[in-house]
């Protein structure tokens, strides 16, 4: 049965107390990051979701998404940056859409933690992200000054 054929016949509820919290691996994040996965691609739609929390000065590596990504900031203040463009400050309630294939990073500012809800499209092979190089410290410091 492929992902498109799976049918869920009733509502499911994943209680907060049942949700896993994992540490963001240091081969794709700089600093302290926690991830709380909410859904995955086996749960009816092809868009896994998670809350991702960044301590101040923490951030993702540069990366792309084959099917794009939405971020909704739920706490704190952070930054997003598309390759070759100035960083943008983001805060609670901001909704960011990153189109497929656009190289970018996101994370907390240097003075505030930040949490976002990530909704990420997945391609027909089950892939939703291509991780690239770390955001250099000088790039990150410049992003905080923009």
C-alpha atoms as a PDB file:
ATOM      1  CA  UNK A   1       0.000   0.000   0.000  1.00  0.00           C
ATOM      2  CA  UNK A   2       1.503   3.348  -0.976  1.00  0.00           C
ATOM      3  CA  UNK A   3       1.029   6.601   0.923  1.00  0.00           C
ATOM      4  CA  UNK A   4      -1.794   7.769  -1.346  1.00  0.00           C
ATOM      5  CA  UNK A   5      -3.782   4.562  -0.747  1.00  0.00           C
ATOM      6  CA  UNK A   6      -3.714   4.575   3.044  1.00  0.00           C
ATOM      7  CA  UNK A   7      -7.126   5.410   4.452  1.00  0.00           C
ATOM      8  CA  UNK A   8      -7.689   6.446   8.035  1.00  0.00           C
ATOM      9  CA  UNK A   9     -11.224   5.568   9.009  1.00  0.00           C
ATOM     10  CA  UNK A  10     -11.624   7.686  12.133  1.00  0.00           C
ATOM     11  CA  UNK A  11     -10.217  10.679  13.945  1.00  0.00           C
ATOM     12  CA  UNK A  12      -7.083  10.233  15.980  1.00  0.00           C
ATOM     13  CA  UNK A  13      -5.956  12.321  18.919  1.00  0.00           C
ATOM     14  CA  UNK A  14      -2.339  12.466  20.009  1.00  0.00           C
ATOM     15  CA  UNK A  15      -2.434  13.843  23.557  1.00  0.00           C
ATOM     16  CA  UNK A  16       0.286  16.322  24.503  1.00  0.00           C
ATOM     17  CA  UNK A  17       1.459  13.914  27.205  1.00  0.00           C
ATOM     18  CA  UNK A  18       1.994  11.235  24.525  1.00  0.00           C
ATOM     19  CA  UNK A  19       4.037  13.383  22.158  1.00  0.00           C
ATOM     20  CA  UNK A  20       7.721  12.645  21.851  1.00  0.00           C
ATOM     21  CA  UNK A  21      10.295  15.421  22.327  1.00  0.00           C
ATOM     22  CA  UNK A  22      13.652  14.878  20.656  1.00  0.00           C
ATOM     23  CA  UNK A  23      16.876  16.862  20.612  1.00  0.00           C
ATOM     24  CA  UNK A  24      17.781  18.490  17.317  1.00  0.00           C
ATOM     25  CA  UNK A  25      20.841  16.669  15.972  1.00  0.00           C
ATOM     26  CA  UNK A  26      24.055  18.681  15.731  1.00  0.00           C
ATOM     27  CA  UNK A  27      24.599  17.655  12.111  1.00  0.00           C
ATOM     28  CA  UNK A  28      21.614  19.819  11.042  1.00  0.00           C
ATOM     29  CA  UNK A  29      21.326  22.411  13.852  1.00  0.00           C
ATOM     30  CA  UNK A  30      23.676  24.807  15.638  1.00  0.00           C
ATOM     31  CA  UNK A  31      22.892  25.263  19.336  1.00  0.00           C
ATOM     32  CA  UNK A  32      20.131  23.718  21.426  1.00  0.00           C
ATOM     33  CA  UNK A  33      17.014  22.758  19.491  1.00  0.00           C
ATOM     34  CA  UNK A  34      14.104  20.507  20.481  1.00  0.00           C
ATOM     35  CA  UNK A  35      11.624  18.946  18.081  1.00  0.00           C
ATOM     36  CA  UNK A  36       8.128  17.765  18.959  1.00  0.00           C
ATOM     37  CA  UNK A  37       6.826  15.784  15.965  1.00  0.00           C
ATOM     38  CA  UNK A  38       3.055  16.039  15.567  1.00  0.00           C
ATOM     39  CA  UNK A  39       2.332  14.118  12.361  1.00  0.00           C
ATOM     40  CA  UNK A  40       4.243  12.155   9.782  1.00  0.00           C
ATOM     41  CA  UNK A  41       3.600  11.104   6.204  1.00  0.00           C
ATOM     42  CA  UNK A  42       1.871   7.875   7.242  1.00  0.00           C
ATOM     43  CA  UNK A  43      -0.989   9.754   8.916  1.00  0.00           C
ATOM     44  CA  UNK A  44      -3.187  10.526   5.936  1.00  0.00           C
ATOM     45  CA  UNK A  45      -1.665  13.622   4.332  1.00  0.00           C
ATOM     46  CA  UNK A  46       1.735  14.002   2.780  1.00  0.00           C
ATOM     47  CA  UNK A  47       2.914  16.841   5.031  1.00  0.00           C
ATOM     48  CA  UNK A  48       4.639  15.993   8.315  1.00  0.00           C
ATOM     49  CA  UNK A  49       4.473  18.636  11.022  1.00  0.00           C
ATOM     50  CA  UNK A  50       6.377  19.461  14.197  1.00  0.00           C
ATOM     51  CA  UNK A  51       6.947  22.171  16.751  1.00  0.00           C
ATOM     52  CA  UNK A  52      10.614  23.160  16.612  1.00  0.00           C
ATOM     53  CA  UNK A  53      12.021  25.178  19.531  1.00  0.00           C
ATOM     54  CA  UNK A  54      15.315  27.040  19.265  1.00  0.00           C
ATOM     55  CA  UNK A  55      17.191  28.444  22.266  1.00  0.00           C
ATOM     56  CA  UNK A  56      18.593  31.952  21.722  1.00  0.00           C
ATOM     57  CA  UNK A  57      21.339  31.871  19.046  1.00  0.00           C
ATOM     58  CA  UNK A  58      20.293  28.392  17.836  1.00  0.00           C
ATOM     59  CA  UNK A  59      19.483  27.778  14.196  1.00  0.00           C
ATOM     60  CA  UNK A  60      19.089  25.243  11.433  1.00  0.00           C
ATOM     61  CA  UNK A  61      21.718  24.549   8.811  1.00  0.00           C
ATOM     62  CA  UNK A  62      21.070  25.811   5.304  1.00  0.00           C
ATOM     63  CA  UNK A  63      18.586  23.520   3.581  1.00  0.00           C
ATOM     64  CA  UNK A  64      15.948  23.157   0.860  1.00  0.00           C
ATOM     65  CA  UNK A  65      12.581  21.399   0.651  1.00  0.00           C
ATOM     66  CA  UNK A  66      11.520  19.535  -2.502  1.00  0.00           C
ATOM     67  CA  UNK A  67       7.842  20.408  -1.927  1.00  0.00           C
ATOM     68  CA  UNK A  68       8.127  23.595   0.143  1.00  0.00           C
ATOM     69  CA  UNK A  69       7.492  24.418   3.793  1.00  0.00           C
ATOM     70  CA  UNK A  70       5.255  26.600   5.947  1.00  0.00           C
ATOM     71  CA  UNK A  71       6.428  27.941   9.300  1.00  0.00           C
ATOM     72  CA  UNK A  72       4.117  29.552  11.868  1.00  0.00           C
ATOM     73  CA  UNK A  73       5.927  31.341  14.712  1.00  0.00           C
ATOM     74  CA  UNK A  74       4.264  30.432  18.023  1.00  0.00           C
ATOM     75  CA  UNK A  75       6.718  31.858  20.576  1.00  0.00           C
ATOM     76  CA  UNK A  76       9.592  34.327  20.729  1.00  0.00           C
ATOM     77  CA  UNK A  77      11.527  36.071  17.997  1.00  0.00           C
ATOM     78  CA  UNK A  78      13.644  34.591  15.268  1.00  0.00           C
ATOM     79  CA  UNK A  79      15.156  34.944  11.839  1.00  0.00           C
ATOM     80  CA  UNK A  80      14.702  33.416   8.407  1.00  0.00           C
ATOM     81  CA  UNK A  81      17.051  33.942   5.518  1.00  0.00           C
ATOM     82  CA  UNK A  82      16.949  32.945   1.887  1.00  0.00           C
ATOM     83  CA  UNK A  83      20.336  32.416   0.206  1.00  0.00           C
ATOM     84  CA  UNK A  84      21.661  35.678  -1.254  1.00  0.00           C
ATOM     85  CA  UNK A  85      19.069  37.871   0.484  1.00  0.00           C
ATOM     86  CA  UNK A  86      19.006  39.764   3.783  1.00  0.00           C
ATOM     87  CA  UNK A  87      17.622  37.974   6.837  1.00  0.00           C
ATOM     88  CA  UNK A  88      14.081  38.752   7.964  1.00  0.00           C
ATOM     89  CA  UNK A  89      13.023  39.057  11.590  1.00  0.00           C
ATOM     90  CA  UNK A  90      10.018  36.906  12.531  1.00  0.00           C
ATOM     91  CA  UNK A  91       7.780  36.981  15.588  1.00  0.00           C
ATOM     92  CA  UNK A  92       4.658  35.364  17.057  1.00  0.00           C
ATOM     93  CA  UNK A  93       1.901  34.942  14.494  1.00  0.00           C
ATOM     94  CA  UNK A  94       4.114  35.369  11.422  1.00  0.00           C
ATOM     95  CA  UNK A  95       3.564  32.772   8.693  1.00  0.00           C
ATOM     96  CA  UNK A  96       6.482  32.029   6.377  1.00  0.00           C
ATOM     97  CA  UNK A  97       6.236  30.065   3.132  1.00  0.00           C
ATOM     98  CA  UNK A  98       9.417  28.743   1.562  1.00  0.00           C
ATOM     99  CA  UNK A  99       8.844  27.495  -1.999  1.00  0.00           C
ATOM    100  CA  UNK A 100      10.329  24.209  -3.232  1.00  0.00           C
ATOM    101  CA  UNK A 101      14.078  24.214  -3.833  1.00  0.00           C
ATOM    102  CA  UNK A 102      14.816  27.569  -2.144  1.00  0.00           C
ATOM    103  CA  UNK A 103      17.982  27.457  -0.016  1.00  0.00           C
ATOM    104  CA  UNK A 104      17.270  28.963   3.411  1.00  0.00           C
ATOM    105  CA  UNK A 105      17.715  28.674   7.167  1.00  0.00           C
ATOM    106  CA  UNK A 106      15.660  29.650  10.218  1.00  0.00           C
ATOM    107  CA  UNK A 107      16.200  29.902  13.934  1.00  0.00           C
ATOM    108  CA  UNK A 108      16.147  32.064  17.034  1.00  0.00           C
ATOM    109  CA  UNK A 109      17.595  35.539  17.252  1.00  0.00           C
ATOM    110  CA  UNK A 110      20.673  36.054  19.404  1.00  0.00           C
ATOM    111  CA  UNK A 111      18.545  37.588  22.199  1.00  0.00           C
ATOM    112  CA  UNK A 112      15.373  35.449  22.187  1.00  0.00           C
ATOM    113  CA  UNK A 113      14.306  31.836  21.962  1.00  0.00           C
ATOM    114  CA  UNK A 114      11.814  31.004  19.198  1.00  0.00           C
ATOM    115  CA  UNK A 115       9.363  28.193  18.468  1.00  0.00           C
ATOM    116  CA  UNK A 116       7.632  27.556  15.172  1.00  0.00           C
ATOM    117  CA  UNK A 117       5.206  25.031  13.816  1.00  0.00           C
ATOM    118  CA  UNK A 118       6.681  23.513  10.651  1.00  0.00           C
ATOM    119  CA  UNK A 119       4.461  21.975   7.950  1.00  0.00           C
ATOM    120  CA  UNK A 120       6.614  20.419   5.268  1.00  0.00           C
ATOM    121  CA  UNK A 121       5.584  18.885   1.964  1.00  0.00           C
ATOM    122  CA  UNK A 122       6.972  15.469   1.089  1.00  0.00           C
ATOM    123  CA  UNK A 123       7.798  14.216  -2.389  1.00  0.00           C
ATOM    124  CA  UNK A 124       6.729  10.903  -3.930  1.00  0.00           C
ATOM    125  CA  UNK A 125       9.885   9.243  -2.523  1.00  0.00           C
ATOM    126  CA  UNK A 126       9.126  10.289   1.065  1.00  0.00           C
ATOM    127  CA  UNK A 127      11.759  13.049   1.125  1.00  0.00           C
ATOM    128  CA  UNK A 128      10.980  16.445   2.652  1.00  0.00           C
ATOM    129  CA  UNK A 129      14.348  18.136   3.212  1.00  0.00           C
ATOM    130  CA  UNK A 130      17.873  18.313   1.802  1.00  0.00           C
ATOM    131  CA  UNK A 131      20.319  19.438   4.495  1.00  0.00           C
ATOM    132  CA  UNK A 132      23.312  21.519   3.433  1.00  0.00           C
ATOM    133  CA  UNK A 133      26.129  23.354   5.229  1.00  0.00           C
ATOM    134  CA  UNK A 134      25.954  25.139   8.609  1.00  0.00           C
ATOM    135  CA  UNK A 135      25.135  28.838   8.753  1.00  0.00           C
ATOM    136  CA  UNK A 136      28.550  30.398   9.434  1.00  0.00           C
ATOM    137  CA  UNK A 137      28.882  32.436  12.629  1.00  0.00           C
ATOM    138  CA  UNK A 138      29.605  35.620  10.655  1.00  0.00           C
ATOM    139  CA  UNK A 139      26.492  35.029   8.493  1.00  0.00           C
ATOM    140  CA  UNK A 140      24.410  34.570  11.640  1.00  0.00           C
ATOM    141  CA  UNK A 141      25.829  37.690  13.324  1.00  0.00           C
ATOM    142  CA  UNK A 142      25.131  39.734  10.179  1.00  0.00           C
ATOM    143  CA  UNK A 143      21.567  38.370  10.090  1.00  0.00           C
ATOM    144  CA  UNK A 144      21.035  39.659  13.637  1.00  0.00           C
ATOM    145  CA  UNK A 145      22.168  43.145  12.549  1.00  0.00           C
ATOM    146  CA  UNK A 146      20.092  43.405   9.348  1.00  0.00           C
END
